[in-house]
Amino acid sequence: MEHPFCSSNNPFPEGIDLVFKTVSGHPMNTDCLAKHFRSILEVARLPRIRLYDLRHTAATLALAAGVSPKVVSEQLGHASTASTLDTYAHVLPHMQDEAATNVEALLFGKESVVAN
């Protein structure tokens, strides 16, 4: 039986791909989720952060690793790649140098830089 604090009265259709859901498949109550996340951080002796910060970190790391902004945008569920680029543009300066090096390699036969 579900804990009443963790249940949700949201009438979401079955089969929705939720990351966090109750045993019955409904969206997890956000207060319950935040409480459980805080307890995990405390047990692991990690600094207190918001769960949303993990999403931002994952997107930042993916872009820094050279994952296409289009792919990151799709993973985040953004309506457009422009939204992703507006939010995470600070991660992309290294891509300018890589792009210039790769175009130079194509034109002049030099070694190119392959994004990670």
C-alpha atoms as a PDB file:
ATOM      1  CA  MET A   1       0.000   0.000   0.000  1.00  0.00           C
ATOM      2  CA  GLU A   2       1.246   3.460  -0.882  1.00  0.00           C
ATOM      3  CA  HIS A   3       2.130   5.926   1.801  1.00  0.00           C
ATOM      4  CA  PRO A   4      -0.590   8.625   1.702  1.00  0.00           C
ATOM      5  CA  PHE A   5       2.046  11.387   1.715  1.00  0.00           C
ATOM      6  CA  CYS A   6       3.558   9.962  -1.467  1.00  0.00           C
ATOM      7  CA  SER A   7       0.361   9.369  -3.391  1.00  0.00           C
ATOM      8  CA  SER A   8      -0.902  11.761  -6.007  1.00  0.00           C
ATOM      9  CA  ASN A   9      -4.440  12.579  -7.033  1.00  0.00           C
ATOM     10  CA  ASN A  10      -3.370  13.672 -10.503  1.00  0.00           C
ATOM     11  CA  PRO A  11      -5.465  11.874 -13.121  1.00  0.00           C
ATOM     12  CA  PHE A  12      -2.581  11.093 -15.490  1.00  0.00           C
ATOM     13  CA  PRO A  13      -3.203   8.324 -18.019  1.00  0.00           C
ATOM     14  CA  GLU A  14      -1.489   5.017 -17.439  1.00  0.00           C
ATOM     15  CA  GLY A  15       1.645   4.386 -19.434  1.00  0.00           C
ATOM     16  CA  ILE A  16       3.145   7.868 -19.183  1.00  0.00           C
ATOM     17  CA  ASP A  17       6.927   7.614 -19.015  1.00  0.00           C
ATOM     18  CA  LEU A  18       7.597   9.102 -15.608  1.00  0.00           C
ATOM     19  CA  VAL A  19      10.967   9.147 -13.943  1.00  0.00           C
ATOM     20  CA  PHE A  20       9.445   9.281 -10.472  1.00  0.00           C
ATOM     21  CA  LYS A  21       6.140   7.551  -9.897  1.00  0.00           C
ATOM     22  CA  THR A  22       4.231   5.808  -7.157  1.00  0.00           C
ATOM     23  CA  VAL A  23       3.771   2.047  -7.033  1.00  0.00           C
ATOM     24  CA  SER A  24       0.472   2.495  -8.862  1.00  0.00           C
ATOM     25  CA  GLY A  25       2.195   4.409 -11.690  1.00  0.00           C
ATOM     26  CA  HIS A  26       0.902   7.872 -10.831  1.00  0.00           C
ATOM     27  CA  PRO A  27       3.159  10.921 -10.548  1.00  0.00           C
ATOM     28  CA  MET A  28       4.893  11.076  -7.186  1.00  0.00           C
ATOM     29  CA  ASN A  29       3.938  13.916  -4.886  1.00  0.00           C
ATOM     30  CA  THR A  30       6.670  16.546  -5.271  1.00  0.00           C
ATOM     31  CA  ASP A  31       6.907  17.176  -1.518  1.00  0.00           C
ATOM     32  CA  CYS A  32       7.461  13.461  -0.921  1.00  0.00           C
ATOM     33  CA  LEU A  33      10.049  13.279  -3.672  1.00  0.00           C
ATOM     34  CA  ALA A  34      11.945  16.281  -2.289  1.00  0.00           C
ATOM     35  CA  LYS A  35      11.864  14.783   1.212  1.00  0.00           C
ATOM     36  CA  HIS A  36      13.296  11.469   0.009  1.00  0.00           C
ATOM     37  CA  PHE A  37      15.936  13.209  -2.096  1.00  0.00           C
ATOM     38  CA  ARG A  38      17.047  15.321   0.891  1.00  0.00           C
ATOM     39  CA  SER A  39      17.348  12.204   3.045  1.00  0.00           C
ATOM     40  CA  ILE A  40      19.526  10.510   0.398  1.00  0.00           C
ATOM     41  CA  LEU A  41      21.799  13.563   0.309  1.00  0.00           C
ATOM     42  CA  GLU A  42      22.055  13.556   4.113  1.00  0.00           C
ATOM     43  CA  VAL A  43      22.910   9.854   4.282  1.00  0.00           C
ATOM     44  CA  ALA A  44      25.557  10.324   1.585  1.00  0.00           C
ATOM     45  CA  ARG A  45      26.843  13.449   3.378  1.00  0.00           C
ATOM     46  CA  LEU A  46      26.426  15.510   0.229  1.00  0.00           C
ATOM     47  CA  PRO A  47      25.547  19.195   0.106  1.00  0.00           C
ATOM     48  CA  ARG A  48      21.876  20.069  -0.016  1.00  0.00           C
ATOM     49  CA  ILE A  49      20.830  20.738  -3.618  1.00  0.00           C
ATOM     50  CA  ARG A  50      17.571  20.647  -5.492  1.00  0.00           C
ATOM     51  CA  LEU A  51      16.695  17.614  -7.603  1.00  0.00           C
ATOM     52  CA  TYR A  52      16.356  20.036 -10.522  1.00  0.00           C
ATOM     53  CA  ASP A  53      20.061  20.861 -10.132  1.00  0.00           C
ATOM     54  CA  LEU A  54      20.860  17.290 -11.230  1.00  0.00           C
ATOM     55  CA  ARG A  55      18.988  17.873 -14.489  1.00  0.00           C
ATOM     56  CA  HIS A  56      20.982  21.052 -15.115  1.00  0.00           C
ATOM     57  CA  THR A  57      24.239  19.273 -14.273  1.00  0.00           C
ATOM     58  CA  ALA A  58      23.452  16.380 -16.628  1.00  0.00           C
ATOM     59  CA  ALA A  59      22.725  18.773 -19.499  1.00  0.00           C
ATOM     60  CA  THR A  60      25.853  20.821 -18.800  1.00  0.00           C
ATOM     61  CA  LEU A  61      28.061  17.715 -18.687  1.00  0.00           C
ATOM     62  CA  ALA A  62      26.544  16.321 -21.879  1.00  0.00           C
ATOM     63  CA  LEU A  63      27.172  19.544 -23.790  1.00  0.00           C
ATOM     64  CA  ALA A  64      30.696  19.871 -22.371  1.00  0.00           C
ATOM     65  CA  ALA A  65      31.361  16.288 -23.533  1.00  0.00           C
ATOM     66  CA  GLY A  66      30.393  17.226 -27.075  1.00  0.00           C
ATOM     67  CA  VAL A  67      26.884  15.759 -27.203  1.00  0.00           C
ATOM     68  CA  SER A  68      24.865  17.516 -29.895  1.00  0.00           C
ATOM     69  CA  PRO A  69      22.675  20.335 -28.525  1.00  0.00           C
ATOM     70  CA  LYS A  70      19.794  18.772 -30.495  1.00  0.00           C
ATOM     71  CA  VAL A  71      20.174  15.504 -28.563  1.00  0.00           C
ATOM     72  CA  VAL A  72      20.426  17.316 -25.218  1.00  0.00           C
ATOM     73  CA  SER A  73      17.380  19.397 -26.115  1.00  0.00           C
ATOM     74  CA  GLU A  74      15.374  16.255 -26.857  1.00  0.00           C
ATOM     75  CA  GLN A  75      16.516  14.604 -23.626  1.00  0.00           C
ATOM     76  CA  LEU A  76      15.404  17.638 -21.628  1.00  0.00           C
ATOM     77  CA  GLY A  77      12.085  17.806 -23.438  1.00  0.00           C
ATOM     78  CA  HIS A  78      12.668  21.366 -24.629  1.00  0.00           C
ATOM     79  CA  ALA A  79      10.381  22.619 -27.385  1.00  0.00           C
ATOM     80  CA  SER A  80      13.360  23.734 -29.431  1.00  0.00           C
ATOM     81  CA  THR A  81      17.129  23.526 -29.520  1.00  0.00           C
ATOM     82  CA  ALA A  82      17.142  27.325 -29.206  1.00  0.00           C
ATOM     83  CA  SER A  83      15.782  27.031 -25.655  1.00  0.00           C
ATOM     84  CA  THR A  84      18.582  24.652 -24.740  1.00  0.00           C
ATOM     85  CA  LEU A  85      21.252  26.829 -26.326  1.00  0.00           C
ATOM     86  CA  ASP A  86      19.925  29.954 -24.585  1.00  0.00           C
ATOM     87  CA  THR A  87      20.149  28.219 -21.215  1.00  0.00           C
ATOM     88  CA  TYR A  88      23.445  26.391 -21.675  1.00  0.00           C
ATOM     89  CA  ALA A  89      25.413  28.699 -23.992  1.00  0.00           C
ATOM     90  CA  HIS A  90      28.086  29.157 -21.311  1.00  0.00           C
ATOM     91  CA  VAL A  91      29.114  25.525 -21.820  1.00  0.00           C
ATOM     92  CA  LEU A  92      29.741  25.835 -25.535  1.00  0.00           C
ATOM     93  CA  PRO A  93      32.713  28.234 -26.025  1.00  0.00           C
ATOM     94  CA  HIS A  94      35.112  25.326 -26.547  1.00  0.00           C
ATOM     95  CA  MET A  95      32.999  24.226 -29.494  1.00  0.00           C
ATOM     96  CA  GLN A  96      33.970  27.390 -31.424  1.00  0.00           C
ATOM     97  CA  ASP A  97      37.642  26.445 -31.274  1.00  0.00           C
ATOM     98  CA  GLU A  98      36.916  22.843 -32.246  1.00  0.00           C
ATOM     99  CA  ALA A  99      34.750  23.972 -35.175  1.00  0.00           C
ATOM    100  CA  ALA A 100      37.466  26.293 -36.480  1.00  0.00           C
ATOM    101  CA  THR A 101      40.110  23.580 -36.145  1.00  0.00           C
ATOM    102  CA  ASN A 102      37.941  21.040 -37.951  1.00  0.00           C
ATOM    103  CA  VAL A 103      37.159  23.407 -40.833  1.00  0.00           C
ATOM    104  CA  GLU A 104      40.850  24.276 -41.084  1.00  0.00           C
ATOM    105  CA  ALA A 105      41.687  20.557 -41.212  1.00  0.00           C
ATOM    106  CA  LEU A 106      39.163  20.026 -43.977  1.00  0.00           C
ATOM    107  CA  LEU A 107      40.493  22.906 -46.033  1.00  0.00           C
ATOM    108  CA  PHE A 108      44.210  22.469 -45.459  1.00  0.00           C
ATOM    109  CA  GLY A 109      44.574  18.787 -44.634  1.00  0.00           C
ATOM    110  CA  LYS A 110      45.623  19.304 -41.031  1.00  0.00           C
ATOM    111  CA  GLU A 111      44.664  17.143 -38.071  1.00  0.00           C
ATOM    112  CA  SER A 112      41.101  17.759 -36.894  1.00  0.00           C
ATOM    113  CA  VAL A 113      39.749  17.833 -33.374  1.00  0.00           C
ATOM    114  CA  VAL A 114      37.138  15.208 -32.685  1.00  0.00           C
ATOM    115  CA  ALA A 115      34.515  16.171 -30.091  1.00  0.00           C
ATOM    116  CA  ASN A 116      34.301  13.724 -27.187  1.00  0.00           C
END
